[in-house]
Amino acid sequence: MRRVHRSRVYAVIIDTPGDEAEAAARFWSAALGVPARPLEDQPQFTSLRGAIPGLATAVQAIDGAPRIHLDIESDDVDAETARLVALGAEQVDRWLECRVLRVPGGQVVCVLPDESDPELFDAQASTWP
């Protein structure tokens, strides 16, 4: 029997080539009127807290082409990944507990465990059979 699970869009991530990440963080900070704060525990990320109400927003230094991707958090990463794969996504990578999917159209979506504010998750998450 399949377990019901929940998920929601958690974050908008601005992926930027590593050598441009600092300038990109300064740009987005000024453009959006929010502070840019590097995350001590994950130095590839610079938080843009408050840029999009209800969503984490960050610049991420990457080894690759610039893009913007969504993070989807779920209380069952395996079930959410399977749901999205059944809809046409393809899992292309895995980073820690995060599943990296390429969706129809070529965009990237990451599925990760729900670790945000529990009240926000409860209020915004969709329930899936």
Protein backbone atom coordinates (compact mmCIF):
# COMPACT_ATOMS: atom_id res chain seq x y z
CA MET A 1 0.00 0.00 0.00
CA ARG A 2 1.38 3.39 -0.99
CA ARG A 3 1.77 5.91 1.75
CA VAL A 4 0.32 9.39 1.34
CA HIS A 5 3.02 12.02 1.21
CA ARG A 6 3.22 15.79 1.02
CA SER A 7 5.42 18.27 -0.83
CA ARG A 8 5.76 21.98 -1.59
CA VAL A 9 8.03 24.32 -3.48
CA TYR A 10 10.60 25.27 -0.87
CA ALA A 11 13.21 27.40 -2.64
CA VAL A 12 14.25 29.29 -5.74
CA ILE A 13 17.96 28.77 -6.34
CA ILE A 14 20.01 31.00 -8.66
CA ASP A 15 22.80 28.69 -9.89
CA THR A 16 25.84 30.71 -10.94
CA PRO A 17 29.31 29.67 -12.13
CA GLY A 18 31.60 29.70 -9.10
CA ASP A 19 33.83 32.54 -10.30
CA GLU A 20 30.78 34.81 -10.70
CA ALA A 21 28.84 33.77 -7.58
CA GLU A 22 30.03 36.61 -5.33
CA ALA A 23 29.14 39.28 -7.90
CA ALA A 24 25.80 37.56 -8.57
CA ALA A 25 24.98 37.53 -4.85
CA ARG A 26 25.77 41.26 -4.60
CA PHE A 27 23.62 41.96 -7.67
CA TRP A 28 20.60 39.97 -6.46
CA SER A 29 20.91 41.39 -2.97
CA ALA A 30 20.80 44.95 -4.31
CA ALA A 31 18.17 44.19 -6.97
CA LEU A 32 15.81 42.51 -4.49
CA GLY A 33 16.59 44.75 -1.51
CA VAL A 34 17.60 41.96 0.86
CA PRO A 35 20.86 41.09 2.59
CA ALA A 36 23.19 38.50 1.06
CA ARG A 37 24.49 36.15 3.74
CA PRO A 38 26.81 33.21 2.98
CA LEU A 39 25.72 30.01 4.73
CA GLU A 40 28.46 28.86 7.07
CA ASP A 41 27.51 25.17 6.90
CA GLN A 42 27.11 25.20 3.09
CA PRO A 43 29.58 27.76 1.70
CA GLN A 44 28.44 27.31 -1.91
CA PHE A 45 25.16 29.05 -0.95
CA THR A 46 24.51 32.73 -0.27
CA SER A 47 21.08 33.28 1.26
CA LEU A 48 18.81 36.06 0.01
CA ARG A 49 16.39 35.71 2.92
CA GLY A 50 13.13 37.57 2.43
CA ALA A 51 13.48 37.96 -1.34
CA ILE A 52 10.39 35.84 -2.03
CA PRO A 53 8.01 35.60 0.94
CA GLY A 54 7.48 32.01 2.04
CA LEU A 55 10.35 30.63 -0.06
CA ALA A 56 14.05 30.25 0.60
CA THR A 57 16.04 32.11 -2.05
CA ALA A 58 19.77 31.77 -2.60
CA VAL A 59 22.65 32.11 -5.03
CA GLN A 60 24.52 28.81 -5.42
CA ALA A 61 28.06 28.59 -6.79
CA ILE A 62 28.17 25.70 -9.27
CA ASP A 63 30.52 24.10 -11.78
CA GLY A 64 28.35 24.61 -14.81
CA ALA A 65 26.10 26.91 -16.78
CA PRO A 66 23.92 29.49 -15.05
CA ARG A 67 20.30 28.56 -14.45
CA ILE A 68 17.51 28.95 -11.94
CA HIS A 69 16.03 25.87 -10.33
CA LEU A 70 13.31 25.01 -7.82
CA ASP A 71 13.74 22.95 -4.69
CA ILE A 72 10.75 20.86 -3.67
CA GLU A 73 10.69 19.61 -0.09
CA SER A 74 8.79 16.48 0.85
CA ASP A 75 8.09 14.36 3.90
CA ASP A 76 8.90 11.34 1.66
CA VAL A 77 11.69 12.09 -0.84
CA ASP A 78 11.47 8.65 -2.48
CA ALA A 79 7.71 8.90 -3.04
CA GLU A 80 7.92 12.47 -4.37
CA THR A 81 10.78 11.54 -6.70
CA ALA A 82 8.79 8.56 -7.99
CA ARG A 83 5.72 10.77 -8.50
CA LEU A 84 7.68 13.30 -10.54
CA VAL A 85 9.45 10.59 -12.55
CA ALA A 86 6.03 9.10 -13.37
CA LEU A 87 5.03 12.55 -14.66
CA GLY A 88 8.02 12.60 -17.05
CA ALA A 89 11.02 13.79 -15.01
CA GLU A 90 14.31 11.92 -15.08
CA GLN A 91 16.60 11.59 -12.08
CA VAL A 92 20.03 12.77 -13.24
CA ASP A 93 21.98 13.03 -9.99
CA ARG A 94 21.92 12.73 -6.24
CA TRP A 95 23.60 15.10 -3.79
CA LEU A 96 23.44 14.14 -0.11
CA GLU A 97 19.72 13.46 0.49
CA CYS A 98 18.69 15.59 -2.50
CA ARG A 99 17.49 14.02 -5.77
CA VAL A 100 18.27 16.10 -8.86
CA LEU A 101 15.69 15.74 -11.63
CA ARG A 102 15.55 17.07 -15.17
CA VAL A 103 11.94 17.78 -16.04
CA PRO A 104 10.28 18.02 -19.46
CA GLY A 105 11.53 21.27 -20.97
CA GLY A 106 15.03 20.72 -19.55
CA GLN A 107 14.74 22.55 -16.24
CA VAL A 108 16.24 21.18 -13.04
CA VAL A 109 14.21 20.43 -9.92
CA CYS A 110 15.68 19.15 -6.67
CA VAL A 111 13.66 17.03 -4.24
CA LEU A 112 14.85 17.21 -0.63
CA PRO A 113 13.60 16.31 2.84
CA ASP A 114 11.29 18.82 4.51
CA GLU A 115 13.42 20.80 6.92
CA SER A 116 11.70 24.16 6.81
CA ASP A 117 9.35 25.66 9.34
CA PRO A 118 6.88 22.84 10.17
CA GLU A 119 3.93 25.26 10.32
CA LEU A 120 4.80 26.64 6.87
CA PHE A 121 5.15 23.12 5.47
CA ASP A 122 1.80 22.08 6.97
CA ALA A 123 0.09 25.20 5.60
CA GLN A 124 1.53 25.03 2.07
CA ALA A 125 2.22 21.39 1.24
CA SER A 126 0.06 19.48 -1.21
CA THR A 127 -0.97 15.94 -0.30
CA TRP A 128 -0.35 13.15 -2.82
CA PRO A 129 -1.70 9.58 -2.79
